[in-house]
Amino acid sequence: MAKKPSEQIADASAEAVVKSGQAAEKIIKGSADALSESRNASRAAIEELTKAYQELATKNAKNLTAAIQALSAVKSPTEFIELQQRLIKDGVEAVVSDSRHIAQLTTAVFTAAFEPVKKQIEAAQKTAQS
């Protein structure tokens, strides 16, 4: 026996509600997983960035100590000026290199943090379109 149009509509509505509930559940679970993955990746990346800053501070302290010792050992004003110029040049080169390294690590931190969330958003969009 064929169903009445109102029964067919009710069945279709119930099926649509079940499907959208399943899709919402999948999106919510995926979002929770993505946030957890993002948090873990962020923690690891921030630890790496912190380590890099600590190493940079240690290196700079050693360089400063060596520079002071070298400057205190000079014998003439000419030697002092030459050493000072070399130290400035080396310092600028180190700052540029260190800044690049820190910028790369910082980019890695944000990429690691947001990549899982980005993937989840893309997956949710695909699920919503299905």
N, C-alpha and C. Protein backbone atom coordinates (compact mmCIF):
# COMPACT_ATOMS: atom_id res chain seq x y z
N MET A 1 0.83 -1.17 0.00
CA MET A 1 0.00 0.00 0.00
C MET A 1 0.87 1.24 0.00
N ALA A 2 0.60 2.18 -0.86
CA ALA A 2 1.38 3.39 -1.02
C ALA A 2 1.12 4.35 0.14
N LYS A 3 2.19 5.05 0.51
CA LYS A 3 2.05 6.02 1.61
C LYS A 3 1.38 7.28 1.09
N LYS A 4 0.72 7.92 2.00
CA LYS A 4 0.09 9.20 1.69
C LYS A 4 1.19 10.25 1.52
N PRO A 5 0.94 11.30 0.76
CA PRO A 5 1.93 12.36 0.59
C PRO A 5 2.39 12.95 1.92
N SER A 6 1.48 13.10 2.87
CA SER A 6 1.88 13.66 4.17
C SER A 6 2.83 12.72 4.91
N GLU A 7 2.62 11.40 4.76
CA GLU A 7 3.52 10.43 5.38
C GLU A 7 4.89 10.44 4.70
N GLN A 8 4.89 10.60 3.39
CA GLN A 8 6.16 10.67 2.65
C GLN A 8 6.95 11.91 3.08
N ILE A 9 6.26 13.01 3.24
CA ILE A 9 6.92 14.25 3.68
C ILE A 9 7.47 14.08 5.08
N ALA A 10 6.67 13.47 5.97
CA ALA A 10 7.12 13.24 7.35
C ALA A 10 8.34 12.33 7.37
N ASP A 11 8.34 11.26 6.56
CA ASP A 11 9.49 10.35 6.50
C ASP A 11 10.73 11.07 5.97
N ALA A 12 10.55 11.86 4.92
CA ALA A 12 11.67 12.61 4.35
C ALA A 12 12.21 13.61 5.36
N SER A 13 11.34 14.27 6.09
CA SER A 13 11.77 15.25 7.11
C SER A 13 12.54 14.55 8.22
N ALA A 14 12.05 13.40 8.66
CA ALA A 14 12.72 12.66 9.72
C ALA A 14 14.11 12.21 9.26
N GLU A 15 14.19 11.76 8.03
CA GLU A 15 15.48 11.32 7.48
C GLU A 15 16.45 12.50 7.37
N ALA A 16 15.96 13.64 6.97
CA ALA A 16 16.79 14.84 6.86
C ALA A 16 17.29 15.27 8.23
N VAL A 17 16.43 15.18 9.24
CA VAL A 17 16.83 15.55 10.61
C VAL A 17 17.92 14.62 11.10
N VAL A 18 17.76 13.32 10.85
CA VAL A 18 18.76 12.34 11.27
C VAL A 18 20.09 12.60 10.57
N LYS A 19 20.06 12.84 9.27
CA LYS A 19 21.29 13.11 8.51
C LYS A 19 21.97 14.37 8.99
N SER A 20 21.19 15.43 9.22
CA SER A 20 21.82 16.68 9.67
C SER A 20 22.36 16.53 11.08
N GLY A 21 21.69 15.73 11.91
CA GLY A 21 22.21 15.45 13.26
C GLY A 21 23.52 14.70 13.20
N GLN A 22 23.60 13.72 12.30
CA GLN A 22 24.84 12.96 12.14
C GLN A 22 25.97 13.86 11.61
N ALA A 23 25.63 14.73 10.68
CA ALA A 23 26.64 15.65 10.13
C ALA A 23 27.11 16.60 11.22
N ALA A 24 26.19 17.11 12.03
CA ALA A 24 26.57 18.02 13.11
C ALA A 24 27.46 17.31 14.12
N GLU A 25 27.12 16.07 14.44
CA GLU A 25 27.92 15.30 15.39
C GLU A 25 29.34 15.08 14.84
N LYS A 26 29.42 14.78 13.55
CA LYS A 26 30.73 14.57 12.91
C LYS A 26 31.55 15.86 12.94
N ILE A 27 30.90 16.98 12.66
CA ILE A 27 31.60 18.27 12.67
C ILE A 27 32.07 18.62 14.08
N ILE A 28 31.23 18.39 15.07
CA ILE A 28 31.60 18.71 16.46
C ILE A 28 32.78 17.85 16.92
N LYS A 29 32.72 16.55 16.63
CA LYS A 29 33.82 15.67 17.01
C LYS A 29 35.10 16.07 16.29
N GLY A 30 34.98 16.36 15.01
CA GLY A 30 36.16 16.80 14.25
C GLY A 30 36.73 18.09 14.78
N SER A 31 35.86 19.00 15.18
CA SER A 31 36.32 20.27 15.74
C SER A 31 37.07 20.06 17.05
N ALA A 32 36.53 19.21 17.89
CA ALA A 32 37.20 18.93 19.17
C ALA A 32 38.57 18.29 18.93
N ASP A 33 38.61 17.35 17.99
CA ASP A 33 39.89 16.70 17.67
C ASP A 33 40.89 17.71 17.09
N ALA A 34 40.41 18.59 16.22
CA ALA A 34 41.28 19.60 15.61
C ALA A 34 41.82 20.55 16.66
N LEU A 35 40.98 20.96 17.60
CA LEU A 35 41.44 21.87 18.66
C LEU A 35 42.47 21.19 19.55
N SER A 36 42.26 19.93 19.84
CA SER A 36 43.23 19.19 20.65
C SER A 36 44.56 19.06 19.92
N GLU A 37 44.49 18.72 18.64
CA GLU A 37 45.70 18.60 17.82
C GLU A 37 46.41 19.96 17.72
N SER A 38 45.63 20.99 17.55
CA SER A 38 46.18 22.34 17.46
C SER A 38 46.89 22.73 18.75
N ARG A 39 46.26 22.43 19.88
CA ARG A 39 46.85 22.75 21.18
C ARG A 39 48.18 22.02 21.35
N ASN A 40 48.21 20.73 21.01
CA ASN A 40 49.44 19.95 21.15
C ASN A 40 50.55 20.46 20.23
N ALA A 41 50.18 20.77 18.99
CA ALA A 41 51.17 21.29 18.04
C ALA A 41 51.69 22.65 18.50
N SER A 42 50.80 23.48 19.01
CA SER A 42 51.20 24.81 19.50
C SER A 42 52.16 24.68 20.66
N ARG A 43 51.86 23.77 21.57
CA ARG A 43 52.72 23.59 22.74
C ARG A 43 54.13 23.21 22.30
N ALA A 44 54.23 22.26 21.38
CA ALA A 44 55.55 21.81 20.92
C ALA A 44 56.28 22.93 20.19
N ALA A 45 55.57 23.67 19.36
CA ALA A 45 56.19 24.76 18.61
C ALA A 45 56.64 25.88 19.54
N ILE A 46 55.84 26.20 20.54
CA ILE A 46 56.21 27.26 21.48
C ILE A 46 57.42 26.84 22.31
N GLU A 47 57.48 25.56 22.66
CA GLU A 47 58.67 25.07 23.38
C GLU A 47 59.91 25.25 22.52
N GLU A 48 59.80 24.95 21.24
CA GLU A 48 60.94 25.12 20.33
C GLU A 48 61.33 26.59 20.21
N LEU A 49 60.34 27.47 20.13
CA LEU A 49 60.60 28.90 20.04
C LEU A 49 61.25 29.41 21.32
N THR A 50 60.77 28.95 22.46
CA THR A 50 61.34 29.34 23.75
C THR A 50 62.79 28.89 23.84
N LYS A 51 63.06 27.67 23.40
CA LYS A 51 64.43 27.14 23.41
C LYS A 51 65.34 28.01 22.52
N ALA A 52 64.82 28.41 21.36
CA ALA A 52 65.61 29.25 20.45
C ALA A 52 65.93 30.60 21.11
N TYR A 53 64.95 31.19 21.80
CA TYR A 53 65.20 32.47 22.49
C TYR A 53 66.23 32.29 23.60
N GLN A 54 66.15 31.18 24.33
CA GLN A 54 67.13 30.92 25.39
C GLN A 54 68.54 30.77 24.82
N GLU A 55 68.63 30.02 23.72
CA GLU A 55 69.94 29.84 23.07
C GLU A 55 70.48 31.17 22.55
N LEU A 56 69.59 31.99 22.02
CA LEU A 56 69.99 33.31 21.52
C LEU A 56 70.50 34.18 22.66
N ALA A 57 69.81 34.17 23.78
CA ALA A 57 70.24 34.97 24.93
C ALA A 57 71.60 34.50 25.44
N THR A 58 71.80 33.19 25.49
CA THR A 58 73.09 32.64 25.93
C THR A 58 74.20 33.04 24.97
N LYS A 59 73.92 32.92 23.68
CA LYS A 59 74.93 33.28 22.67
C LYS A 59 75.27 34.77 22.76
N ASN A 60 74.24 35.61 22.92
CA ASN A 60 74.48 37.05 23.01
C ASN A 60 75.28 37.42 24.26
N ALA A 61 75.03 36.74 25.36
CA ALA A 61 75.79 37.00 26.59
C ALA A 61 77.26 36.63 26.40
N LYS A 62 77.50 35.49 25.75
CA LYS A 62 78.89 35.08 25.48
C LYS A 62 79.58 36.06 24.54
N ASN A 63 78.84 36.49 23.50
CA ASN A 63 79.41 37.44 22.54
C ASN A 63 79.74 38.77 23.22
N LEU A 64 78.87 39.21 24.10
CA LEU A 64 79.11 40.48 24.82
C LEU A 64 80.34 40.36 25.71
N THR A 65 80.45 39.26 26.41
CA THR A 65 81.61 39.05 27.28
C THR A 65 82.90 39.03 26.46
N ALA A 66 82.87 38.32 25.33
CA ALA A 66 84.06 38.25 24.47
C ALA A 66 84.39 39.63 23.91
N ALA A 67 83.38 40.41 23.54
CA ALA A 67 83.62 41.75 22.99
C ALA A 67 84.23 42.66 24.04
N ILE A 68 83.74 42.61 25.26
CA ILE A 68 84.28 43.45 26.34
C ILE A 68 85.73 43.07 26.62
N GLN A 69 86.00 41.78 26.65
CA GLN A 69 87.38 41.33 26.89
C GLN A 69 88.30 41.78 25.76
N ALA A 70 87.83 41.67 24.53
CA ALA A 70 88.65 42.08 23.39
C ALA A 70 88.88 43.58 23.41
N LEU A 71 87.85 44.35 23.71
CA LEU A 71 88.00 45.81 23.75
C LEU A 71 88.93 46.25 24.88
N SER A 72 88.88 45.54 26.00
CA SER A 72 89.74 45.92 27.12
C SER A 72 91.20 45.54 26.89
N ALA A 73 91.47 44.68 25.91
CA ALA A 73 92.84 44.24 25.64
C ALA A 73 93.53 45.05 24.55
N VAL A 74 92.85 46.02 23.94
CA VAL A 74 93.48 46.77 22.85
C VAL A 74 94.60 47.66 23.38
N LYS A 75 95.54 47.93 22.49
CA LYS A 75 96.73 48.69 22.89
C LYS A 75 96.76 50.11 22.35
N SER A 76 95.90 50.38 21.34
CA SER A 76 95.94 51.71 20.74
C SER A 76 94.55 52.15 20.32
N PRO A 77 94.36 53.46 20.16
CA PRO A 77 93.06 53.96 19.70
C PRO A 77 92.69 53.40 18.31
N THR A 78 93.66 53.24 17.44
CA THR A 78 93.40 52.71 16.10
C THR A 78 92.90 51.27 16.19
N GLU A 79 93.56 50.50 17.01
CA GLU A 79 93.15 49.11 17.20
C GLU A 79 91.74 49.05 17.81
N PHE A 80 91.46 49.96 18.73
CA PHE A 80 90.15 50.02 19.37
C PHE A 80 89.07 50.31 18.33
N ILE A 81 89.30 51.28 17.45
CA ILE A 81 88.31 51.65 16.43
C ILE A 81 88.11 50.50 15.44
N GLU A 82 89.19 49.88 15.01
CA GLU A 82 89.08 48.75 14.08
C GLU A 82 88.28 47.60 14.71
N LEU A 83 88.57 47.28 15.96
CA LEU A 83 87.87 46.22 16.65
C LEU A 83 86.40 46.58 16.84
N GLN A 84 86.15 47.82 17.21
CA GLN A 84 84.78 48.28 17.40
C GLN A 84 83.97 48.15 16.10
N GLN A 85 84.57 48.56 14.99
CA GLN A 85 83.89 48.46 13.69
C GLN A 85 83.61 47.00 13.32
N ARG A 86 84.57 46.13 13.58
CA ARG A 86 84.37 44.71 13.28
C ARG A 86 83.27 44.13 14.16
N LEU A 87 83.27 44.50 15.44
CA LEU A 87 82.23 44.01 16.35
C LEU A 87 80.84 44.50 15.93
N ILE A 88 80.75 45.73 15.50
CA ILE A 88 79.47 46.27 15.03
C ILE A 88 79.00 45.52 13.79
N LYS A 89 79.91 45.32 12.84
CA LYS A 89 79.56 44.59 11.61
C LYS A 89 79.09 43.18 11.94
N ASP A 90 79.86 42.48 12.77
CA ASP A 90 79.49 41.11 13.16
C ASP A 90 78.16 41.10 13.91
N GLY A 91 77.95 42.10 14.73
CA GLY A 91 76.70 42.19 15.50
C GLY A 91 75.49 42.39 14.61
N VAL A 92 75.62 43.25 13.62
CA VAL A 92 74.51 43.50 12.69
C VAL A 92 74.20 42.22 11.89
N GLU A 93 75.24 41.56 11.42
CA GLU A 93 75.03 40.31 10.68
C GLU A 93 74.34 39.26 11.55
N ALA A 94 74.74 39.17 12.80
CA ALA A 94 74.13 38.21 13.73
C ALA A 94 72.67 38.56 13.99
N VAL A 95 72.37 39.84 14.14
CA VAL A 95 70.98 40.26 14.39
C VAL A 95 70.10 39.89 13.20
N VAL A 96 70.58 40.13 12.00
CA VAL A 96 69.80 39.80 10.80
C VAL A 96 69.57 38.29 10.73
N SER A 97 70.60 37.52 10.93
CA SER A 97 70.48 36.06 10.88
C SER A 97 69.56 35.53 11.98
N ASP A 98 69.75 36.04 13.19
CA ASP A 98 68.92 35.59 14.31
C ASP A 98 67.46 36.00 14.11
N SER A 99 67.24 37.17 13.57
CA SER A 99 65.86 37.63 13.32
C SER A 99 65.17 36.74 12.29
N ARG A 100 65.88 36.35 11.27
CA ARG A 100 65.31 35.44 10.26
C ARG A 100 64.92 34.11 10.90
N HIS A 101 65.83 33.61 11.72
CA HIS A 101 65.58 32.32 12.37
C HIS A 101 64.35 32.39 13.29
N ILE A 102 64.27 33.44 14.09
CA ILE A 102 63.12 33.61 14.99
C ILE A 102 61.84 33.80 14.19
N ALA A 103 61.90 34.54 13.10
CA ALA A 103 60.72 34.74 12.25
C ALA A 103 60.24 33.42 11.67
N GLN A 104 61.17 32.57 11.24
CA GLN A 104 60.81 31.26 10.70
C GLN A 104 60.15 30.40 11.77
N LEU A 105 60.71 30.42 12.97
CA LEU A 105 60.13 29.64 14.06
C LEU A 105 58.75 30.16 14.44
N THR A 106 58.60 31.47 14.46
CA THR A 106 57.30 32.07 14.78
C THR A 106 56.25 31.67 13.74
N THR A 107 56.63 31.70 12.48
CA THR A 107 55.73 31.27 11.42
C THR A 107 55.36 29.81 11.61
N ALA A 108 56.33 29.00 11.98
CA ALA A 108 56.06 27.58 12.22
C ALA A 108 55.08 27.38 13.38
N VAL A 109 55.20 28.22 14.41
CA VAL A 109 54.29 28.14 15.56
C VAL A 109 52.85 28.37 15.10
N PHE A 110 52.64 29.44 14.35
CA PHE A 110 51.28 29.76 13.92
C PHE A 110 50.76 28.75 12.90
N THR A 111 51.63 28.26 12.04
CA THR A 111 51.22 27.25 11.07
C THR A 111 50.81 25.97 11.80
N ALA A 112 51.63 25.55 12.76
CA ALA A 112 51.32 24.34 13.52
C ALA A 112 50.02 24.50 14.31
N ALA A 113 49.79 25.69 14.82
CA ALA A 113 48.59 25.92 15.63
C ALA A 113 47.33 25.93 14.79
N PHE A 114 47.38 26.51 13.62
CA PHE A 114 46.17 26.71 12.86
C PHE A 114 45.91 25.69 11.75
N GLU A 115 46.90 24.90 11.40
CA GLU A 115 46.72 23.91 10.33
C GLU A 115 45.62 22.89 10.65
N PRO A 116 45.61 22.29 11.86
CA PRO A 116 44.52 21.34 12.16
C PRO A 116 43.14 21.99 12.10
N VAL A 117 43.04 23.21 12.56
CA VAL A 117 41.76 23.92 12.54
C VAL A 117 41.35 24.21 11.09
N LYS A 118 42.31 24.61 10.28
CA LYS A 118 42.04 24.88 8.86
C LYS A 118 41.53 23.62 8.17
N LYS A 119 42.18 22.49 8.44
CA LYS A 119 41.76 21.23 7.83
C LYS A 119 40.35 20.86 8.29
N GLN A 120 40.04 21.11 9.56
CA GLN A 120 38.71 20.79 10.07
C GLN A 120 37.65 21.68 9.43
N ILE A 121 37.96 22.93 9.24
CA ILE A 121 37.01 23.84 8.59
C ILE A 121 36.74 23.36 7.17
N GLU A 122 37.79 22.98 6.46
CA GLU A 122 37.62 22.48 5.09
C GLU A 122 36.78 21.20 5.09
N ALA A 123 37.03 20.30 6.05
CA ALA A 123 36.26 19.06 6.13
C ALA A 123 34.80 19.36 6.47
N ALA A 124 34.58 20.31 7.36
CA ALA A 124 33.20 20.68 7.73
C ALA A 124 32.46 21.28 6.55
N GLN A 125 33.17 22.07 5.76
CA GLN A 125 32.55 22.65 4.57
C GLN A 125 32.16 21.56 3.58
N LYS A 126 33.01 20.56 3.41
CA LYS A 126 32.71 19.46 2.51
C LYS A 126 31.50 18.66 3.02
N THR A 127 31.47 18.45 4.34
CA THR A 127 30.36 17.71 4.94
C THR A 127 29.06 18.49 4.78
N ALA A 128 29.12 19.79 4.96
CA ALA A 128 27.93 20.62 4.83
C ALA A 128 27.42 20.64 3.39
N GLN A 129 28.32 20.55 2.44
CA GLN A 129 27.92 20.56 1.04
C GLN A 129 27.34 19.24 0.58
N SER A 130 27.63 18.18 1.33
CA SER A 130 27.14 16.83 0.94
C SER A 130 25.68 16.66 1.25
